[in-house]
Amino acid sequence: MPDHRTLPRRRGDVLNQAIFQAVRAEIAESGYAALTMDSVAQRARTSKASLYRRWPGKAPLVLDAAYDAMPNPESVPDTGSLRGDALALLRLVVRQLEGPVGQAMRGLLGEALQNPDVAAEIHRYARGNVGKIMRAIVQRAQVRGECGPGEVPEVRLDAGPALLRQKFIFSGAPIQDAYLVQIVDEVMLPLLGRTSGVPE
């Protein structure tokens, strides 16, 4: 493998993306438990010092690499309806959880249960992206007149994604699309003051 010191110098987002891709590739190839800062640095063709300047350890690095691949408000399509947007979000999340991101999250959760320091790191680095996306989806629906105006309580925004997380954590089986439709139609829409529409 070429010496990273002889390669063109990368900075900022370019370097971060190389590191995140290396993390996900390492997890896909060898699993979360086998991943080390050394193996990521080698695959990303950077120094271990570059990693530690950005992340204090494995858990926050893996968490950021997972978040990087997960949906953000810009990546969720505007389908023109609250129901369609909610389904699109859950489907994007499931697609990521079926690959290295899902392996990463299971590994992090397993480690957090055994190590309070890792649990604290996860709490410190968690971004709550899905909740932010749900708020953006609801705000779009309010503009369209699908929902009443005003602030929607956080617990209502998180109810659907929380059910999805529970299913992912406690079920080894693939998450079926019918389950996502059930979450949207029987939990998310009623909590947001809507009834289910025509199936997507």
C-alpha atoms as a PDB file:
ATOM      1  CA  MET A   1       0.000   0.000   0.000  1.00  0.00           C
ATOM      2  CA  PRO A   2       1.377   3.443  -0.870  1.00  0.00           C
ATOM      3  CA  ASP A   3       2.750   5.579   1.978  1.00  0.00           C
ATOM      4  CA  HIS A   4       0.021   8.140   2.750  1.00  0.00           C
ATOM      5  CA  ARG A   5       2.736  10.774   3.217  1.00  0.00           C
ATOM      6  CA  THR A   6       3.595  10.591  -0.502  1.00  0.00           C
ATOM      7  CA  LEU A   7      -0.036  11.082  -1.618  1.00  0.00           C
ATOM      8  CA  PRO A   8      -1.627  14.461  -2.380  1.00  0.00           C
ATOM      9  CA  ARG A   9      -2.707  16.154   0.837  1.00  0.00           C
ATOM     10  CA  ARG A  10      -6.446  16.033   1.497  1.00  0.00           C
ATOM     11  CA  ARG A  11      -8.286  18.278   3.898  1.00  0.00           C
ATOM     12  CA  GLY A  12     -11.742  19.046   5.239  1.00  0.00           C
ATOM     13  CA  ASP A  13     -14.712  17.319   3.652  1.00  0.00           C
ATOM     14  CA  VAL A  14     -12.584  15.453   1.095  1.00  0.00           C
ATOM     15  CA  LEU A  15     -10.571  13.759   3.827  1.00  0.00           C
ATOM     16  CA  ASN A  16     -13.625  13.188   6.009  1.00  0.00           C
ATOM     17  CA  GLN A  17     -15.445  11.446   3.146  1.00  0.00           C
ATOM     18  CA  ALA A  18     -12.443   9.186   2.518  1.00  0.00           C
ATOM     19  CA  ILE A  19     -12.401   8.280   6.206  1.00  0.00           C
ATOM     20  CA  PHE A  20     -16.162   7.648   6.396  1.00  0.00           C
ATOM     21  CA  GLN A  21     -16.028   5.434   3.300  1.00  0.00           C
ATOM     22  CA  ALA A  22     -13.116   3.530   4.834  1.00  0.00           C
ATOM     23  CA  VAL A  23     -15.066   2.981   8.061  1.00  0.00           C
ATOM     24  CA  ARG A  24     -18.081   1.594   6.207  1.00  0.00           C
ATOM     25  CA  ALA A  25     -15.906  -0.585   3.970  1.00  0.00           C
ATOM     26  CA  GLU A  26     -14.063  -2.010   6.985  1.00  0.00           C
ATOM     27  CA  ILE A  27     -17.340  -2.822   8.730  1.00  0.00           C
ATOM     28  CA  ALA A  28     -18.791  -4.409   5.580  1.00  0.00           C
ATOM     29  CA  GLU A  29     -15.672  -6.535   5.181  1.00  0.00           C
ATOM     30  CA  SER A  30     -14.793  -7.496   8.758  1.00  0.00           C
ATOM     31  CA  GLY A  31     -17.594  -6.316  11.054  1.00  0.00           C
ATOM     32  CA  TYR A  32     -17.749  -3.675  13.754  1.00  0.00           C
ATOM     33  CA  ALA A  33     -15.781  -5.580  16.397  1.00  0.00           C
ATOM     34  CA  ALA A  34     -12.730  -5.997  14.134  1.00  0.00           C
ATOM     35  CA  LEU A  35     -12.595  -2.322  13.139  1.00  0.00           C
ATOM     36  CA  THR A  36      -9.676  -0.333  14.577  1.00  0.00           C
ATOM     37  CA  MET A  37      -8.390   3.193  14.130  1.00  0.00           C
ATOM     38  CA  ASP A  38      -5.315   1.641  12.476  1.00  0.00           C
ATOM     39  CA  SER A  39      -7.362  -0.296   9.910  1.00  0.00           C
ATOM     40  CA  VAL A  40      -9.406   2.796   9.038  1.00  0.00           C
ATOM     41  CA  ALA A  41      -6.286   4.942   8.667  1.00  0.00           C
ATOM     42  CA  GLN A  42      -4.682   2.375   6.365  1.00  0.00           C
ATOM     43  CA  ARG A  43      -7.760   2.016   4.166  1.00  0.00           C
ATOM     44  CA  ALA A  44      -8.318   5.778   4.009  1.00  0.00           C
ATOM     45  CA  ARG A  45      -4.593   6.273   3.284  1.00  0.00           C
ATOM     46  CA  THR A  46      -4.163   8.784   6.052  1.00  0.00           C
ATOM     47  CA  SER A  47      -2.446   8.859   9.413  1.00  0.00           C
ATOM     48  CA  LYS A  48      -3.910   7.647  12.690  1.00  0.00           C
ATOM     49  CA  ALA A  49      -3.090  11.110  14.071  1.00  0.00           C
ATOM     50  CA  SER A  50      -5.481  12.600  11.494  1.00  0.00           C
ATOM     51  CA  LEU A  51      -8.249  10.432  12.890  1.00  0.00           C
ATOM     52  CA  TYR A  52      -7.552  11.298  16.514  1.00  0.00           C
ATOM     53  CA  ARG A  53      -7.481  15.012  15.708  1.00  0.00           C
ATOM     54  CA  ARG A  54     -11.114  14.665  14.626  1.00  0.00           C
ATOM     55  CA  TRP A  55     -12.466  11.864  16.833  1.00  0.00           C
ATOM     56  CA  PRO A  56     -11.355  10.796  20.327  1.00  0.00           C
ATOM     57  CA  GLY A  57     -12.041   7.129  19.638  1.00  0.00           C
ATOM     58  CA  LYS A  58     -13.726   4.421  17.610  1.00  0.00           C
ATOM     59  CA  ALA A  59     -17.318   4.980  18.770  1.00  0.00           C
ATOM     60  CA  PRO A  60     -17.686   8.648  17.738  1.00  0.00           C
ATOM     61  CA  LEU A  61     -15.863   7.955  14.459  1.00  0.00           C
ATOM     62  CA  VAL A  62     -18.208   5.094  13.577  1.00  0.00           C
ATOM     63  CA  LEU A  63     -21.221   7.143  14.653  1.00  0.00           C
ATOM     64  CA  ASP A  64     -20.244  10.017  12.365  1.00  0.00           C
ATOM     65  CA  ALA A  65     -19.578   7.599   9.486  1.00  0.00           C
ATOM     66  CA  ALA A  66     -23.029   6.091  10.000  1.00  0.00           C
ATOM     67  CA  TYR A  67     -24.728   9.488  10.161  1.00  0.00           C
ATOM     68  CA  ASP A  68     -22.921  10.528   6.992  1.00  0.00           C
ATOM     69  CA  ALA A  69     -24.679   7.738   5.082  1.00  0.00           C
ATOM     70  CA  MET A  70     -28.104   8.241   6.640  1.00  0.00           C
ATOM     71  CA  PRO A  71     -30.828  10.456   5.159  1.00  0.00           C
ATOM     72  CA  ASN A  72     -30.816  14.206   5.741  1.00  0.00           C
ATOM     73  CA  PRO A  73     -33.584  16.734   5.024  1.00  0.00           C
ATOM     74  CA  GLU A  74     -32.188  17.351   1.520  1.00  0.00           C
ATOM     75  CA  SER A  75     -32.041  13.650   0.606  1.00  0.00           C
ATOM     76  CA  VAL A  76     -35.664  12.806   1.422  1.00  0.00           C
ATOM     77  CA  PRO A  77     -37.814  13.332  -1.677  1.00  0.00           C
ATOM     78  CA  ASP A  78     -40.749  15.719  -1.528  1.00  0.00           C
ATOM     79  CA  THR A  79     -43.522  13.394  -2.677  1.00  0.00           C
ATOM     80  CA  GLY A  80     -46.225  16.006  -2.312  1.00  0.00           C
ATOM     81  CA  SER A  81     -47.933  14.397   0.686  1.00  0.00           C
ATOM     82  CA  LEU A  82     -47.220  13.841   4.368  1.00  0.00           C
ATOM     83  CA  ARG A  83     -47.856  10.109   4.001  1.00  0.00           C
ATOM     84  CA  GLY A  84     -45.568   9.793   0.993  1.00  0.00           C
ATOM     85  CA  ASP A  85     -42.791  11.768   2.674  1.00  0.00           C
ATOM     86  CA  ALA A  86     -43.002   9.711   5.891  1.00  0.00           C
ATOM     87  CA  LEU A  87     -42.858   6.454   3.923  1.00  0.00           C
ATOM     88  CA  ALA A  88     -39.957   7.736   1.830  1.00  0.00           C
ATOM     89  CA  LEU A  89     -38.014   8.576   4.987  1.00  0.00           C
ATOM     90  CA  LEU A  90     -38.576   5.192   6.636  1.00  0.00           C
ATOM     91  CA  ARG A  91     -37.668   3.383   3.405  1.00  0.00           C
ATOM     92  CA  LEU A  92     -34.415   5.332   3.112  1.00  0.00           C
ATOM     93  CA  VAL A  93     -33.531   4.521   6.716  1.00  0.00           C
ATOM     94  CA  VAL A  94     -34.252   0.815   6.241  1.00  0.00           C
ATOM     95  CA  ARG A  95     -32.128   0.740   3.083  1.00  0.00           C
ATOM     96  CA  GLN A  96     -29.156   2.043   5.071  1.00  0.00           C
ATOM     97  CA  LEU A  97     -29.783  -0.243   8.043  1.00  0.00           C
ATOM     98  CA  GLU A  98     -29.601  -3.294   5.766  1.00  0.00           C
ATOM     99  CA  GLY A  99     -25.897  -2.602   5.043  1.00  0.00           C
ATOM    100  CA  PRO A 100     -22.742  -1.509   6.897  1.00  0.00           C
ATOM    101  CA  VAL A 101     -24.564   1.322   8.644  1.00  0.00           C
ATOM    102  CA  GLY A 102     -26.855  -1.191  10.326  1.00  0.00           C
ATOM    103  CA  GLN A 103     -23.876  -3.323  11.345  1.00  0.00           C
ATOM    104  CA  ALA A 104     -22.241  -0.203  12.775  1.00  0.00           C
ATOM    105  CA  MET A 105     -25.307   0.771  14.792  1.00  0.00           C
ATOM    106  CA  ARG A 106     -25.744  -2.726  16.225  1.00  0.00           C
ATOM    107  CA  GLY A 107     -22.061  -2.815  17.149  1.00  0.00           C
ATOM    108  CA  LEU A 108     -22.238   0.583  18.823  1.00  0.00           C
ATOM    109  CA  LEU A 109     -25.368  -0.312  20.781  1.00  0.00           C
ATOM    110  CA  GLY A 110     -23.872  -3.610  21.914  1.00  0.00           C
ATOM    111  CA  GLU A 111     -20.713  -1.870  23.094  1.00  0.00           C
ATOM    112  CA  ALA A 112     -22.696   0.893  24.806  1.00  0.00           C
ATOM    113  CA  LEU A 113     -24.606  -1.679  26.886  1.00  0.00           C
ATOM    114  CA  GLN A 114     -21.303  -2.988  28.260  1.00  0.00           C
ATOM    115  CA  ASN A 115     -19.335   0.254  28.526  1.00  0.00           C
ATOM    116  CA  PRO A 116     -20.784   3.421  30.117  1.00  0.00           C
ATOM    117  CA  ASP A 117     -18.025   5.516  28.523  1.00  0.00           C
ATOM    118  CA  VAL A 118     -19.097   4.407  25.041  1.00  0.00           C
ATOM    119  CA  ALA A 119     -22.730   5.082  25.934  1.00  0.00           C
ATOM    120  CA  ALA A 120     -21.748   8.607  26.999  1.00  0.00           C
ATOM    121  CA  GLU A 121     -19.830   9.138  23.747  1.00  0.00           C
ATOM    122  CA  ILE A 122     -22.811   7.998  21.672  1.00  0.00           C
ATOM    123  CA  HIS A 123     -25.087  10.366  23.585  1.00  0.00           C
ATOM    124  CA  ARG A 124     -22.619  13.228  23.090  1.00  0.00           C
ATOM    125  CA  TYR A 125     -22.219  12.651  19.341  1.00  0.00           C
ATOM    126  CA  ALA A 126     -25.821  11.732  18.502  1.00  0.00           C
ATOM    127  CA  ARG A 127     -27.420  14.219  16.104  1.00  0.00           C
ATOM    128  CA  GLY A 128     -31.068  13.226  16.060  1.00  0.00           C
ATOM    129  CA  ASN A 129     -31.169  13.536  12.274  1.00  0.00           C
ATOM    130  CA  VAL A 130     -34.355  11.528  11.777  1.00  0.00           C
ATOM    131  CA  GLY A 131     -36.220  13.758  14.228  1.00  0.00           C
ATOM    132  CA  LYS A 132     -35.008  16.845  12.368  1.00  0.00           C
ATOM    133  CA  ILE A 133     -36.139  15.333   9.070  1.00  0.00           C
ATOM    134  CA  MET A 134     -39.550  14.511  10.523  1.00  0.00           C
ATOM    135  CA  ARG A 135     -39.916  18.121  11.656  1.00  0.00           C
ATOM    136  CA  ALA A 136     -39.034  19.319   8.131  1.00  0.00           C
ATOM    137  CA  ILE A 137     -41.565  16.864   6.642  1.00  0.00           C
ATOM    138  CA  VAL A 138     -44.302  18.095   8.977  1.00  0.00           C
ATOM    139  CA  GLN A 139     -43.487  21.725   8.222  1.00  0.00           C
ATOM    140  CA  ARG A 140     -43.869  20.989   4.499  1.00  0.00           C
ATOM    141  CA  ALA A 141     -47.214  19.317   5.230  1.00  0.00           C
ATOM    142  CA  GLN A 142     -48.318  22.375   7.225  1.00  0.00           C
ATOM    143  CA  VAL A 143     -47.513  24.629   4.277  1.00  0.00           C
ATOM    144  CA  ARG A 144     -49.644  22.349   2.057  1.00  0.00           C
ATOM    145  CA  GLY A 145     -52.473  22.505   4.595  1.00  0.00           C
ATOM    146  CA  GLU A 146     -52.289  18.804   5.509  1.00  0.00           C
ATOM    147  CA  CYS A 147     -51.569  19.532   9.183  1.00  0.00           C
ATOM    148  CA  GLY A 148     -52.714  22.238  11.526  1.00  0.00           C
ATOM    149  CA  PRO A 149     -50.283  25.043  12.332  1.00  0.00           C
ATOM    150  CA  GLY A 150     -48.141  25.146  15.438  1.00  0.00           C
ATOM    151  CA  GLU A 151     -45.291  23.247  17.023  1.00  0.00           C
ATOM    152  CA  VAL A 152     -45.623  19.454  17.002  1.00  0.00           C
ATOM    153  CA  PRO A 153     -44.347  17.797  20.226  1.00  0.00           C
ATOM    154  CA  GLU A 154     -41.078  15.895  19.848  1.00  0.00           C
ATOM    155  CA  VAL A 155     -42.619  12.685  21.177  1.00  0.00           C
ATOM    156  CA  ARG A 156     -45.088  12.619  18.265  1.00  0.00           C
ATOM    157  CA  LEU A 157     -42.357  13.194  15.702  1.00  0.00           C
ATOM    158  CA  ASP A 158     -40.228  10.397  17.148  1.00  0.00           C
ATOM    159  CA  ALA A 159     -42.924   7.757  17.647  1.00  0.00           C
ATOM    160  CA  GLY A 160     -42.690   6.206  14.161  1.00  0.00           C
ATOM    161  CA  PRO A 161     -38.886   6.233  13.885  1.00  0.00           C
ATOM    162  CA  ALA A 162     -38.691   4.832  17.450  1.00  0.00           C
ATOM    163  CA  LEU A 163     -40.817   1.832  16.431  1.00  0.00           C
ATOM    164  CA  LEU A 164     -38.517   1.292  13.463  1.00  0.00           C
ATOM    165  CA  ARG A 165     -35.441   1.441  15.710  1.00  0.00           C
ATOM    166  CA  GLN A 166     -36.997  -1.058  18.116  1.00  0.00           C
ATOM    167  CA  LYS A 167     -37.791  -3.465  15.289  1.00  0.00           C
ATOM    168  CA  PHE A 168     -34.248  -3.128  13.956  1.00  0.00           C
ATOM    169  CA  ILE A 169     -32.589  -3.693  17.339  1.00  0.00           C
ATOM    170  CA  PHE A 170     -34.680  -6.623  18.536  1.00  0.00           C
ATOM    171  CA  SER A 171     -35.468  -8.443  15.289  1.00  0.00           C
ATOM    172  CA  GLY A 172     -32.835 -10.172  13.226  1.00  0.00           C
ATOM    173  CA  ALA A 173     -35.212 -10.510  10.286  1.00  0.00           C
ATOM    174  CA  PRO A 174     -35.335  -7.979   7.427  1.00  0.00           C
ATOM    175  CA  ILE A 175     -37.849  -5.179   7.976  1.00  0.00           C
ATOM    176  CA  GLN A 176     -40.731  -5.636   5.555  1.00  0.00           C
ATOM    177  CA  ASP A 177     -42.222  -2.698   3.673  1.00  0.00           C
ATOM    178  CA  ALA A 178     -45.670  -3.647   4.949  1.00  0.00           C
ATOM    179  CA  TYR A 179     -44.425  -2.895   8.471  1.00  0.00           C
ATOM    180  CA  LEU A 180     -43.342   0.592   7.380  1.00  0.00           C
ATOM    181  CA  VAL A 181     -46.770   1.229   5.871  1.00  0.00           C
ATOM    182  CA  GLN A 182     -48.345   0.074   9.138  1.00  0.00           C
ATOM    183  CA  ILE A 183     -46.154   2.451  11.165  1.00  0.00           C
ATOM    184  CA  VAL A 184     -47.079   5.380   8.944  1.00  0.00           C
ATOM    185  CA  ASP A 185     -50.815   4.651   8.666  1.00  0.00           C
ATOM    186  CA  GLU A 186     -51.525   3.456  12.210  1.00  0.00           C
ATOM    187  CA  VAL A 187     -49.073   5.507  14.284  1.00  0.00           C
ATOM    188  CA  MET A 188     -47.471   8.476  12.562  1.00  0.00           C
ATOM    189  CA  LEU A 189     -50.436   9.931  10.653  1.00  0.00           C
ATOM    190  CA  PRO A 190     -52.948   9.627  13.537  1.00  0.00           C
ATOM    191  CA  LEU A 191     -50.479  11.299  15.913  1.00  0.00           C
ATOM    192  CA  LEU A 192     -50.100  14.132  13.424  1.00  0.00           C
ATOM    193  CA  GLY A 193     -53.857  14.509  13.026  1.00  0.00           C
ATOM    194  CA  ARG A 194     -54.128  12.751   9.685  1.00  0.00           C
ATOM    195  CA  THR A 195     -55.727   9.506   8.515  1.00  0.00           C
ATOM    196  CA  SER A 196     -54.115   7.201   5.971  1.00  0.00           C
ATOM    197  CA  GLY A 197     -54.547   8.010   2.321  1.00  0.00           C
ATOM    198  CA  VAL A 198     -54.265   5.951  -0.815  1.00  0.00           C
ATOM    199  CA  PRO A 199     -51.538   3.285  -0.376  1.00  0.00           C
ATOM    200  CA  GLU A 200     -48.205   4.316  -1.899  1.00  0.00           C
END
